[in-house]
Every structure is written in C-alpha cells, then in structure tokens.
Protein backbone atom coordinates (compact mmCIF):
# COMPACT_ATOMS: atom_id res chain seq x y z
CA MET A 1 166.99 116.51 82.04
CA ARG A 2 166.39 113.86 79.38
CA ARG A 3 164.47 114.97 76.32
CA ARG A 4 163.19 112.88 73.45
CA LEU A 5 161.56 113.67 70.12
CA VAL A 6 159.31 111.03 68.57
CA LYS A 7 158.55 111.78 64.93
CA ASN A 8 156.96 110.27 61.84
CA VAL A 9 154.18 108.51 63.75
CA ARG A 10 150.40 108.22 63.57
CA ILE A 11 149.36 109.44 67.00
CA TYR A 12 146.20 108.12 68.61
CA ARG A 13 143.89 110.63 70.24
CA GLU A 14 140.18 110.48 71.03
CA GLY A 15 139.36 107.57 68.78
CA ASP A 16 141.36 108.60 65.73
CA PHE A 17 144.92 108.96 64.43
CA PHE A 18 146.85 111.90 63.03
CA TRP A 19 150.34 112.21 61.62
CA GLY A 20 152.50 114.08 64.06
CA SER A 21 155.44 114.39 66.42
CA LEU A 22 155.74 114.64 70.16
CA TRP A 23 158.34 115.80 72.60
CA ILE A 24 159.03 114.15 75.96
CA SER A 25 160.69 115.81 78.94
CA ASN A 26 161.23 114.42 82.43
CA GLY A 27 159.17 111.35 81.65
CA ARG A 28 156.07 113.25 80.50
CA PHE A 29 154.56 114.37 77.23
CA GLU A 30 155.68 117.97 76.80
CA ARG A 31 154.31 118.85 73.36
CA ILE A 32 152.16 116.94 70.88
CA ARG A 33 151.76 118.45 67.43
CA PRO A 34 150.37 117.42 64.03
CA ASP A 35 152.96 117.39 61.26
CA GLU A 36 151.78 120.64 59.70
CA GLU A 37 152.58 122.42 62.98
CA ALA A 38 155.59 120.35 64.03
CA ALA A 39 157.45 121.26 60.83
CA PHE A 40 157.59 124.90 61.94
CA MET A 41 158.59 124.26 65.55
CA GLU A 42 162.09 124.98 66.74
CA SER A 43 164.02 122.03 68.11
CA ALA A 44 165.51 122.61 71.53
CA GLY A 45 168.52 120.64 70.37
CA GLY A 46 170.21 117.76 72.12
CA GLU A 47 167.14 115.56 72.32
CA GLU A 48 167.22 111.89 71.45
CA VAL A 49 165.21 111.21 68.30
CA LEU A 50 163.00 108.19 67.79
CA ASP A 51 161.77 107.84 64.21
CA GLY A 52 158.54 105.85 64.26
CA ARG A 53 158.69 105.17 60.52
CA GLY A 54 154.96 105.62 60.11
CA MET A 55 153.86 103.31 62.90
CA MET A 56 150.86 103.84 65.17
CA LEU A 57 151.62 105.49 68.51
CA VAL A 58 149.03 104.44 71.09
CA PRO A 59 148.71 104.69 74.88
CA GLY A 60 150.48 101.93 76.76
CA PHE A 61 148.27 99.02 77.75
CA ILE A 62 147.31 98.71 81.43
CA ASP A 63 146.66 95.19 82.74
CA LEU A 64 144.80 95.62 86.00
CA HIS A 65 144.32 91.87 86.64
CA THR A 66 147.13 89.34 86.08
CA HIS A 67 148.65 86.56 88.18
CA GLY A 68 151.94 86.22 86.35
CA ALA A 69 153.81 85.14 83.22
CA VAL A 70 157.03 83.54 81.90
CA GLY A 71 157.24 80.99 84.69
CA ILE A 72 156.65 83.41 87.56
CA ASP A 73 153.56 83.12 89.79
CA VAL A 74 152.78 86.40 91.57
CA ASN A 75 151.99 84.57 94.83
CA ALA A 76 155.46 83.03 94.90
CA ALA A 77 157.46 85.81 93.24
CA ASP A 78 160.45 87.58 94.70
CA LYS A 79 161.52 91.03 93.51
CA GLU A 80 163.46 89.70 90.54
CA GLY A 81 160.52 87.52 89.59
CA LEU A 82 158.15 90.48 89.46
CA LYS A 83 160.67 92.39 87.36
CA LYS A 84 160.91 89.44 84.97
CA ILE A 85 157.13 89.56 84.55
CA ALA A 86 157.33 93.32 83.96
CA ALA A 87 160.01 92.91 81.30
CA PHE A 88 157.88 90.34 79.46
CA PHE A 89 154.79 92.49 79.72
CA ALA A 90 156.70 95.34 78.06
CA THR A 91 157.15 93.11 74.99
CA GLN A 92 153.35 92.86 74.88
CA GLY A 93 152.71 96.60 74.95
CA VAL A 94 151.98 96.81 78.68
CA THR A 95 153.29 99.92 80.41
CA ALA A 96 151.54 99.51 83.78
CA TRP A 97 150.02 96.59 85.68
CA ASN A 98 148.66 95.27 88.95
CA ALA A 99 150.05 92.07 90.46
CA SER A 100 146.97 90.01 91.36
CA ILE A 101 147.27 87.90 94.50
CA VAL A 102 145.08 84.82 94.41
CA THR A 103 143.54 83.76 97.75
CA ASP A 104 146.33 82.34 99.90
CA SER A 105 147.47 81.95 103.50
CA ILE A 106 147.95 85.08 105.59
CA GLU A 107 151.69 84.46 105.79
CA ARG A 108 152.15 84.10 102.02
CA THR A 109 149.90 87.07 101.34
CA ASP A 110 151.95 89.17 103.78
CA ARG A 111 155.17 88.25 102.00
CA CYS A 112 153.66 88.87 98.58
CA LEU A 113 152.33 92.30 99.54
CA ALA A 114 155.73 93.32 100.89
CA VAL A 115 157.49 92.30 97.67
CA ILE A 116 154.92 94.08 95.49
CA ARG A 117 155.19 97.18 97.68
CA ASP A 118 158.95 97.33 97.27
CA VAL A 119 159.01 96.74 93.50
CA SER A 120 156.22 99.26 92.89
CA ARG A 121 158.53 101.93 94.34
CA GLU A 122 161.27 101.17 91.83
CA ARG A 123 161.51 102.10 88.15
CA GLY A 124 163.36 101.00 85.05
CA TYR A 125 162.56 97.27 84.94
CA GLY A 126 159.88 97.21 82.23
CA ALA A 127 156.15 97.77 82.60
CA GLN A 128 155.56 99.78 85.78
CA LEU A 129 154.11 97.75 88.65
CA LEU A 130 151.34 99.91 90.08
CA GLY A 131 150.68 97.73 93.11
CA ALA A 132 148.66 94.78 94.31
CA HIS A 133 145.24 93.49 93.35
CA LEU A 134 143.77 91.40 96.17
CA GLU A 135 141.56 88.74 94.61
CA GLY A 136 140.34 87.28 97.86
CA PRO A 137 140.04 85.96 100.46
CA PHE A 138 136.62 87.58 100.96
CA LEU A 139 134.88 85.65 98.19
CA SER A 140 131.98 83.24 97.68
CA GLU A 141 132.62 79.56 98.21
CA GLU A 142 130.02 78.62 95.60
CA TYR A 143 131.56 80.85 92.92
CA ARG A 144 135.17 80.46 94.01
CA GLY A 145 136.37 79.10 90.65
CA SER A 146 140.04 78.24 91.19
CA MET A 147 140.18 79.84 94.64
CA PRO A 148 141.13 77.34 97.40
CA ARG A 149 138.02 76.67 99.47
CA ASP A 150 139.81 76.30 102.81
CA LEU A 151 141.48 79.72 102.52
CA LEU A 152 138.34 81.76 101.83
CA ARG A 153 137.15 83.99 104.67
CA GLU A 154 134.21 86.05 105.81
CA GLY A 155 134.68 89.80 105.80
CA ASP A 156 137.39 90.69 108.29
CA GLU A 157 138.21 94.37 108.61
CA ASP A 158 141.09 93.69 111.00
CA LEU A 159 142.72 91.33 108.49
CA LEU A 160 142.27 93.79 105.64
CA ASN A 161 143.75 96.58 107.78
CA HIS A 162 146.68 94.27 108.52
CA TYR A 163 147.23 93.78 104.79
CA ARG A 164 146.94 97.52 104.19
CA GLU A 165 149.57 98.25 106.84
CA ILE A 166 152.03 95.92 105.14
CA ALA A 167 151.22 97.29 101.68
CA GLU A 168 151.68 100.92 102.75
CA GLY A 169 149.33 102.25 100.10
CA SER A 170 150.22 99.76 97.37
CA ILE A 171 146.92 97.83 97.35
CA ARG A 172 145.48 99.41 94.21
CA TYR A 173 142.47 97.15 93.59
CA ILE A 174 140.43 94.55 95.48
CA THR A 175 137.80 91.98 94.53
CA LEU A 176 135.02 91.30 97.05
CA ALA A 177 131.81 89.23 97.15
CA PRO A 178 129.18 91.44 98.85
CA GLU A 179 126.95 88.54 99.95
CA VAL A 180 129.70 87.05 102.13
CA ALA A 181 129.11 87.81 105.82
CA GLY A 182 130.87 90.98 106.94
CA VAL A 183 131.87 92.14 103.47
CA MET A 184 129.34 94.92 102.83
CA PRO A 185 130.33 97.04 105.88
CA MET A 186 133.96 96.62 104.86
CA LEU A 187 133.23 97.52 101.24
CA LYS A 188 131.47 100.72 102.28
CA LYS A 189 134.46 101.78 104.40
CA ILE A 190 137.20 101.19 101.85
CA ALA A 191 135.54 102.06 98.53
CA GLY A 192 136.66 105.67 98.78
CA ASP A 193 140.29 104.63 99.17
CA ILE A 194 140.71 101.46 97.11
CA PRO A 195 138.91 100.70 93.83
CA VAL A 196 136.57 97.78 94.59
CA ALA A 197 135.40 95.15 92.11
CA ILE A 198 132.63 92.63 92.70
CA GLY A 199 133.63 89.11 91.75
CA HIS A 200 133.52 85.42 92.60
CA SER A 201 130.05 86.27 93.77
CA GLY A 202 126.47 85.04 93.77
CA ALA A 203 125.07 88.34 95.02
CA SER A 204 121.46 89.18 94.29
CA TYR A 205 120.55 92.05 91.99
CA GLU A 206 119.49 94.16 94.95
CA LEU A 207 122.66 93.57 96.94
CA SER A 208 124.83 94.06 93.85
CA MET A 209 123.19 97.41 93.14
CA GLU A 210 123.67 98.41 96.78
CA ALA A 211 127.36 97.53 96.53
CA ILE A 212 127.73 99.56 93.34
CA GLU A 213 125.87 102.51 94.84
CA SER A 214 128.17 102.19 97.88
CA GLY A 215 131.25 102.62 95.72
CA ALA A 216 132.10 99.35 93.95
CA ARG A 217 133.49 100.39 90.56
CA ALA A 218 133.82 97.18 88.57
CA ILE A 219 132.92 93.55 87.96
CA THR A 220 135.78 91.05 88.05
CA HIS A 221 136.15 88.94 84.86
CA THR A 222 132.54 89.52 83.84
CA PHE A 223 130.49 86.36 83.16
CA ASN A 224 133.16 84.20 84.81
CA GLY A 225 133.07 83.13 88.48
CA MET A 226 129.69 84.76 89.13
CA ILE A 227 125.97 84.11 89.17
CA LEU A 228 124.53 84.68 85.72
CA PHE A 229 121.40 86.41 84.49
CA HIS A 230 117.87 85.01 84.90
CA GLN A 231 114.82 86.94 83.79
CA HIS A 232 113.25 86.66 87.25
CA ARG A 233 116.51 87.00 89.18
CA PRO A 234 118.85 89.38 87.33
CA GLY A 235 121.52 88.95 90.00
CA LEU A 236 125.00 90.40 89.74
CA MET A 237 124.96 90.15 85.96
CA GLY A 238 121.83 92.27 85.73
CA ALA A 239 123.35 94.91 87.99
CA ALA A 240 126.56 94.85 85.96
CA LEU A 241 124.73 95.52 82.71
CA GLU A 242 122.31 98.12 84.08
CA SER A 243 124.71 100.21 86.14
CA ASP A 244 127.58 102.44 85.06
CA CYS A 245 130.25 100.21 86.65
CA TYR A 246 133.19 98.95 84.63
CA CYS A 247 133.26 95.35 83.42
CA GLU A 248 136.51 93.41 83.17
CA ALA A 249 136.64 91.07 80.18
CA ILE A 250 139.03 88.21 79.41
CA CYS A 251 139.09 88.30 75.61
CA ASP A 252 140.93 85.06 74.86
CA GLY A 253 138.07 83.34 73.04
CA ARG A 254 137.79 80.75 75.82
CA HIS A 255 136.41 82.66 78.78
CA LEU A 256 134.06 84.64 76.54
CA HIS A 257 132.58 83.79 73.14
CA PRO A 258 133.16 86.59 70.60
CA GLY A 259 129.41 87.18 70.52
CA THR A 260 129.44 87.65 74.29
CA VAL A 261 132.19 90.25 73.94
CA ARG A 262 130.18 92.11 71.31
CA MET A 263 127.06 92.00 73.50
CA LEU A 264 128.98 93.27 76.53
CA ILE A 265 130.37 96.21 74.58
CA LYS A 266 126.94 96.96 73.12
CA CYS A 267 125.34 96.93 76.58
CA LYS A 268 128.07 98.79 78.45
CA GLY A 269 129.54 101.02 75.78
CA LEU A 270 133.15 101.29 74.73
CA ASN A 271 134.03 103.40 77.79
CA ARG A 272 132.93 100.88 80.43
CA VAL A 273 134.73 97.66 79.41
CA ALA A 274 138.30 96.98 80.58
CA ALA A 275 140.26 94.24 78.86
CA ILE A 276 142.32 92.08 81.21
CA THR A 277 144.44 88.96 80.81
CA ASP A 278 143.93 87.19 84.16
CA SER A 279 147.09 85.46 83.00
CA ILE A 280 149.00 82.92 85.07
CA MET A 281 152.68 81.99 85.07
CA ALA A 282 152.19 79.98 81.85
CA ALA A 283 151.71 83.11 79.72
CA GLY A 284 154.54 83.30 77.20
CA LEU A 285 155.45 79.62 77.71
CA PRO A 286 154.47 76.27 76.14
CA ASP A 287 151.81 73.89 77.42
CA GLY A 288 152.73 72.06 80.61
CA ASN A 289 152.28 71.92 84.37
CA TYR A 290 152.22 75.16 86.36
CA GLN A 291 151.05 76.75 89.62
CA LEU A 292 148.46 79.35 90.52
CA GLY A 293 148.99 80.15 94.17
CA VAL A 294 148.50 76.84 96.01
CA ASN A 295 146.85 75.21 92.97
CA ASP A 296 148.33 72.77 90.48
CA VAL A 297 147.41 73.81 86.94
CA VAL A 298 147.80 72.04 83.61
CA VAL A 299 147.86 73.94 80.32
CA VAL A 300 146.75 72.12 77.17
CA ASP A 301 146.44 73.99 73.85
CA GLY A 302 146.94 77.22 75.79
CA ASP A 303 143.95 76.54 78.07
CA ALA A 304 144.76 76.59 81.81
CA LYS A 305 142.74 74.36 84.15
CA LEU A 306 143.03 72.99 87.68
CA VAL A 307 144.50 69.50 87.76
CA SER A 308 142.12 68.55 90.58
CA SER A 309 138.81 69.51 88.99
CA GLY A 310 139.26 70.73 85.42
CA VAL A 311 137.97 74.18 86.41
CA ARG A 312 139.48 76.92 84.29
CA ALA A 313 142.29 78.68 86.17
CA GLY A 314 143.21 82.00 84.64
CA SER A 315 144.57 82.30 81.12
CA THR A 316 147.71 82.36 79.01
CA LEU A 317 146.58 85.56 77.28
CA THR A 318 148.72 88.64 76.71
CA MET A 319 147.42 92.18 76.32
CA ALA A 320 148.81 92.41 72.79
CA GLN A 321 146.83 89.32 71.81
CA ALA A 322 143.76 90.63 73.64
CA PHE A 323 143.95 93.77 71.48
CA ARG A 324 144.14 91.75 68.26
CA ASN A 325 141.35 89.45 69.48
CA LEU A 326 139.08 92.40 70.23
CA LEU A 327 139.62 93.76 66.73
CA ALA A 328 138.73 90.36 65.27
CA PHE A 329 135.80 89.67 67.62
CA THR A 330 134.11 93.03 67.15
CA GLY A 331 135.06 94.24 63.68
CA ARG A 332 135.63 97.66 65.20
CA SER A 333 138.47 100.03 64.39
CA PRO A 334 141.68 100.21 66.44
CA GLY A 335 140.67 103.69 67.56
CA GLU A 336 137.48 102.33 69.09
CA ILE A 337 139.19 99.41 70.87
CA ILE A 338 142.28 101.12 72.30
CA PRO A 339 140.44 102.66 75.30
CA LEU A 340 139.52 99.16 76.55
CA LEU A 341 143.23 98.54 77.19
CA SER A 342 144.32 102.03 78.26
CA SER A 343 142.04 104.87 79.34
CA ASN A 344 139.29 102.62 80.73
CA PRO A 345 141.57 100.75 83.16
CA ALA A 346 143.23 104.05 84.07
CA ASP A 347 139.84 105.60 84.84
CA LEU A 348 138.81 102.55 86.86
CA LEU A 349 142.00 102.57 88.94
CA GLY A 350 141.84 106.31 89.56
CA ILE A 351 145.09 107.10 87.74
CA ALA A 352 143.60 108.89 84.74
CA ASP A 353 145.34 112.10 85.78
CA ARG A 354 148.66 110.64 84.67
CA LYS A 355 148.16 107.44 82.66
CA GLY A 356 146.05 105.94 79.91
CA ARG A 357 146.07 108.76 77.34
CA ILE A 358 148.40 110.56 74.96
CA GLN A 359 148.11 114.06 76.39
CA GLU A 360 150.52 116.83 77.30
CA GLY A 361 151.55 116.66 80.95
CA MET A 362 150.79 112.97 81.37
CA ASP A 363 153.27 110.12 81.81
CA ALA A 364 154.96 109.32 78.51
CA ASP A 365 153.76 105.71 78.41
CA PHE A 366 153.16 104.54 74.85
CA VAL A 367 153.54 101.75 72.33
CA LEU A 368 154.48 101.75 68.66
CA LEU A 369 152.44 99.22 66.68
CA ASP A 370 153.06 98.11 63.11
CA ASP A 371 150.28 97.63 60.58
CA THR A 372 149.64 94.08 61.82
CA TYR A 373 149.17 95.43 65.36
CA ARG A 374 152.39 93.86 66.63
CA VAL A 375 154.34 95.68 69.33
CA GLN A 376 157.59 97.15 68.03
CA VAL A 377 158.53 99.63 70.76
CA THR A 378 157.30 100.14 74.33
CA VAL A 379 158.08 103.32 76.27
CA VAL A 380 157.48 103.86 79.99
CA SER A 381 157.88 107.37 81.44
CA GLY A 382 159.80 108.38 78.33
CA GLU A 383 162.30 105.50 78.52
CA ILE A 384 162.41 102.74 75.91
CA VAL A 385 161.90 99.48 77.81
CA TYR A 386 161.39 97.27 74.76
CA ARG A 387 162.43 97.49 71.12
CA LYS A 388 161.75 94.51 68.89
CA SER A 389 164.34 95.32 66.26
CA CYS A 390 166.19 98.35 65.02
CA GLY A 391 168.36 99.49 62.16
CA PRO A 392 171.87 100.97 62.24
CA ASP A 393 170.41 104.34 63.26
CA GLY A 394 168.80 102.81 66.36
CA ASN A 395 165.28 103.33 65.08
CA PRO A 396 162.71 100.55 64.64
CA VAL A 397 162.61 98.70 61.32
C-alpha cells in the first residue's frame, strides 16, 4: 500500500485556500487537514513526503474536449500516440481527459474507438484517458465548421450502437445536432447513459429546449459552430443561456473575445461553464502544417485554420494557458475560476463522485501551481506524473 504525505501547501477547497497537509493512500485522498490540526496528527510512518514549499494545491484539470497535441492527432493515434498526448497534458496540469474523435469514416472511427478503449483501461502514462468524445457524425452540414461534409450523417441508431459495442463503455461524451433527421429519437434514448452535448447545430430555440429537457447536458464550444442569438429567434444560443445546461468555452482569445467570456460566466454562473481546449495536434508545437482527422490544417501565429477554406479548426490552447487566460479575461480570483477546469467538467461527465475536487475519499488528482500559476507538479491517483524541477531532496523548487 503506497502512502504519501503532501505538506506545506495552500489547499483549494470551495472557492478558497487554506494552509494544510494531506495524506494519500491507495490513490485516494485519505485525510485533509489545516496546519493547526495537522501539526498534532500522528504520522503513520513510511510514507513518501512531498513538500509543496508553499505552492497552491488545486484539483487536476479535466479537458473533456481535445483532438490531440504534440504532433499526435487523436483520429490517427495508436496507443503510444495517445500516451504521448497524456504525458504532455500532465505538464499542463491535466489529470483526466477525453479523446475527441472528429467526424471520420466508419473504419477509422472503429479503429480509433478501439485504441481509446484499450488505453483508457491502462494507468501510469500521464493524464488519465477517460474515454472517447464522439464529435460527429450526426451534425449539421450548415454549421459543420471543420467537419468534412461528405462524412456527416443523419441520425443512425444502428451505427451508434455499432460504435458503442466497439467502445465497450468508453464513449464518455457525444456531440449531436438535434435538428438533423433521426437525431432526436437517438438523443432521448442515450442521454441517460452518455452525457450529450448539442453542437455544430442550427437548432431552433424550441427544439434546443426539447433536447435539453430530454437529457442533453451541455453546449459544445459555445458561440462557435452554432446558430447565434436573434431577438426574434433565440435559437440554440438562447436555450443555452436560459437553461441550466453546461456551456463549453474555448478561452484562447480567438474563439471568444474576453468580453464574451465574461458575459457567458455572468449569464450561466461560475458552476455552469466548462473550459476546454479543443486543441489539435499542433498544441505544444510551432506554427506549421498539421492534420485534423481528414483535414489539412495550417497554424499561423498559433491560430489553426483549414487550408481549404480558412475556417478555424480547433486550437493550440492548453488547459494551463486557459486557466491563466480566464484569470486575465475576467479579473476573478483563482478560487472562482478553478471549478471551470475541474469540478464543472467532472459534474458534466458524471464522474463527480471521484474526480474534480480535493475531498477525502476521492481520486488523488491534483496540481501544484506556483505564484505565477505555472504547473510545477501533477499527480494522478496519488502518483507524480510530472515534476518541472526539483532540489536534492526530490521536492519541487
């Protein structure tokens, strides 16, 4: 049984920080105590000690929507490729993530689902891969964004069941457009089993509200790839703002103006916005030519666009940068922003019983941040998967 003591840290809990220590056993938080209590607690002895040297200890970031990084495209990745992405994500404070499959052929989607399934069952490679996010093929042609037109499909329950059989429970999230023929009946059947997001959609307000009332939990990259608000036709955007659904947000300063981010948070509240990267294989790499599924993408000044049309195609954002951007965009405190990258995505994905919070009994997934909000240490299930630098004693410097 591996035990670890983490001391001399400012622990995040419920919007604030306190000086304290915590003990980890079998990959979970065993005890969490403020310093005035921890000083009087008996050590069990034999535990590994991590001295946080006064850094902030926050829940690990959860990226529920990403297509890749460091030269690896999820649609083309093998097992080692997904693990390479996971290792990079750990350097950015991510402790759990979904591999988002962009609309592709049935054969390539089959292969991708099988690889994601297998890696999600393994541990010890970096940020934990939760499973697959299917972004397509049941999406709107008009609002397809970078989705390949010829691979989009009407709702097809048999095809989705085929994908689910291959995935064996590892499809953790799916984006659907409810106005596409055949999608609404499918949405109503699966919403109790798989978290559903509405996206790449031109759905009316009425249909969007019906989809949300039928179980859709979120809006995919809100404001992007969707019909926008009109005072006479509120559409999907109106339903997103009025309802209690979660709203994904790509906070890179390109997809959303800082004022738009502030407005979204003001409308939805801090507990209903989930920061995502929607990153592609170019994340963590210089400008150049890349792929997103079957698409050719060019990245200039960090901005990813389709070569064929100039349409924006994902991002080069990381979750660590998204956190710093949100602080800058909103002027809010770290304690207010942290849920957008941790507990909110955990709640949305239905994993809040074990991830997204610093609480006794939950998975010991956390990040140590310095005073400039840079990631120094990332821990997944109690194991250190990334350490930026350390002194002779093995503790971060």
